[in-house]
Protein backbone atom coordinates (compact mmCIF):
# COMPACT_ATOMS: atom_id res chain seq x y z
CA ARG A 1 188.68 132.57 114.25
CA LYS A 2 188.49 133.36 110.55
CA THR A 3 186.49 135.62 108.30
CA GLY A 4 186.77 135.99 104.53
CA SER A 5 189.56 138.54 105.00
CA GLN A 6 191.28 137.92 108.37
CA ALA A 7 192.34 135.07 110.64
CA ALA A 8 193.42 134.91 114.29
CA ILE A 9 194.90 132.20 116.50
CA VAL A 10 195.10 132.17 120.30
CA VAL A 11 197.48 129.74 122.02
CA VAL A 12 197.65 129.36 125.83
CA ASN A 13 200.54 127.73 127.73
CA ARG A 14 199.82 126.74 131.33
CA GLY A 15 203.26 125.14 131.73
CA GLY A 16 206.21 126.48 133.70
CA SER A 17 208.46 126.90 130.64
CA ALA A 18 208.09 128.34 127.16
CA ALA A 19 206.61 125.91 124.65
CA SER A 20 206.99 125.57 120.89
CA VAL A 21 203.69 124.54 119.35
CA ASP A 22 202.64 123.55 115.83
CA VAL A 23 199.01 124.63 115.55
CA PRO A 24 197.16 122.54 112.92
CA VAL A 25 195.38 124.84 110.45
CA GLY A 26 195.08 122.60 107.37
CA GLY A 27 191.72 123.00 105.66
CA TRP A 28 191.14 126.22 107.60
CA LEU A 29 194.02 128.48 106.57
CA ARG A 30 195.97 128.20 103.32
CA ASP A 31 199.77 128.03 103.34
CA GLY A 32 201.68 131.31 103.16
CA VAL A 33 199.38 133.48 105.30
CA ALA A 34 201.51 135.75 107.53
CA LEU A 35 200.40 136.16 111.14
CA THR A 36 201.80 138.78 113.52
CA ARG A 37 201.60 139.05 117.28
CA ARG A 38 198.77 141.36 118.36
CA TYR A 39 198.75 140.55 122.10
CA GLN A 40 200.84 138.50 124.49
CA VAL A 41 200.82 137.51 128.16
CA GLY A 42 204.40 136.86 129.34
CA THR A 43 207.68 137.50 127.54
CA GLY A 44 209.59 135.64 124.85
CA GLY A 45 206.80 134.53 122.51
CA SER A 46 206.83 134.51 118.72
CA ALA A 47 206.62 137.95 117.09
CA SER A 48 205.28 136.46 113.86
CA SER A 49 204.72 133.23 111.95
CA SER A 50 203.34 131.99 108.64
CA SER A 51 201.16 129.03 107.81
CA ALA A 52 203.10 126.26 106.10
CA ALA A 53 202.34 122.58 105.45
CA GLY A 54 199.02 122.93 107.28
CA THR A 55 200.48 124.29 110.52
CA VAL A 56 201.49 127.54 112.21
CA ALA A 57 204.60 127.22 114.41
CA VAL A 58 204.61 129.48 117.49
CA THR A 59 206.52 129.81 120.74
CA VAL A 60 204.32 130.59 123.74
CA PRO A 61 205.80 132.03 126.96
CA ALA A 62 205.64 130.12 130.25
CA ASN A 63 202.28 130.58 131.97
CA GLY A 64 201.35 132.86 129.10
CA ALA A 65 199.36 133.24 125.94
CA ILE A 66 199.76 134.72 122.50
CA LEU A 67 197.32 136.11 119.94
CA LEU A 68 198.48 136.06 116.31
CA ALA A 69 196.40 137.62 113.55
CA SER A 70 196.71 138.15 109.83
CA GLY A 71 196.35 141.44 108.08
CA THR A 72 193.60 141.86 105.51
CA VAL A 73 194.02 139.06 102.95
CA ASP A 74 191.71 137.04 100.71
CA LEU A 75 190.84 133.92 102.70
CA THR A 76 187.73 132.91 100.79
CA GLY A 77 187.80 129.42 99.36
CA PRO A 78 187.25 128.55 95.72
CA ALA A 79 183.76 128.43 94.32
CA ALA A 80 181.99 125.10 94.49
CA PRO A 81 182.25 123.04 91.30
CA VAL A 82 179.29 123.07 88.93
CA LEU A 83 178.07 119.80 87.46
CA THR A 84 176.87 120.06 83.88
CA LEU A 85 174.91 117.13 82.51
CA GLY A 86 174.77 116.37 78.81
CA ALA A 87 171.60 115.72 76.84
CA GLU A 88 169.59 112.62 77.59
CA GLY A 89 170.31 109.57 75.53
CA ASN A 90 171.80 106.10 75.56
CA GLY A 91 175.42 107.31 75.20
CA THR A 92 175.80 106.47 71.49
């Protein structure tokens, strides 16, 4: 989930051992956004992570889940480009 100022990721592991997961966030979350653990089911999961190269790397405990969230940061995208047309004519 993402707003203009915060993002959160939930990862669930139904396996019997801890799992390292690269969550794809390219196009959704810019690189360099720090995420910290806000809630966890199980023990041994990532305490924090940052987005890099379009992914967030996390370790999720066996039969557990982890919720990572950013603090308040600017996550709004750039403004849409504006097309400006020149005067009418034949190009000469």
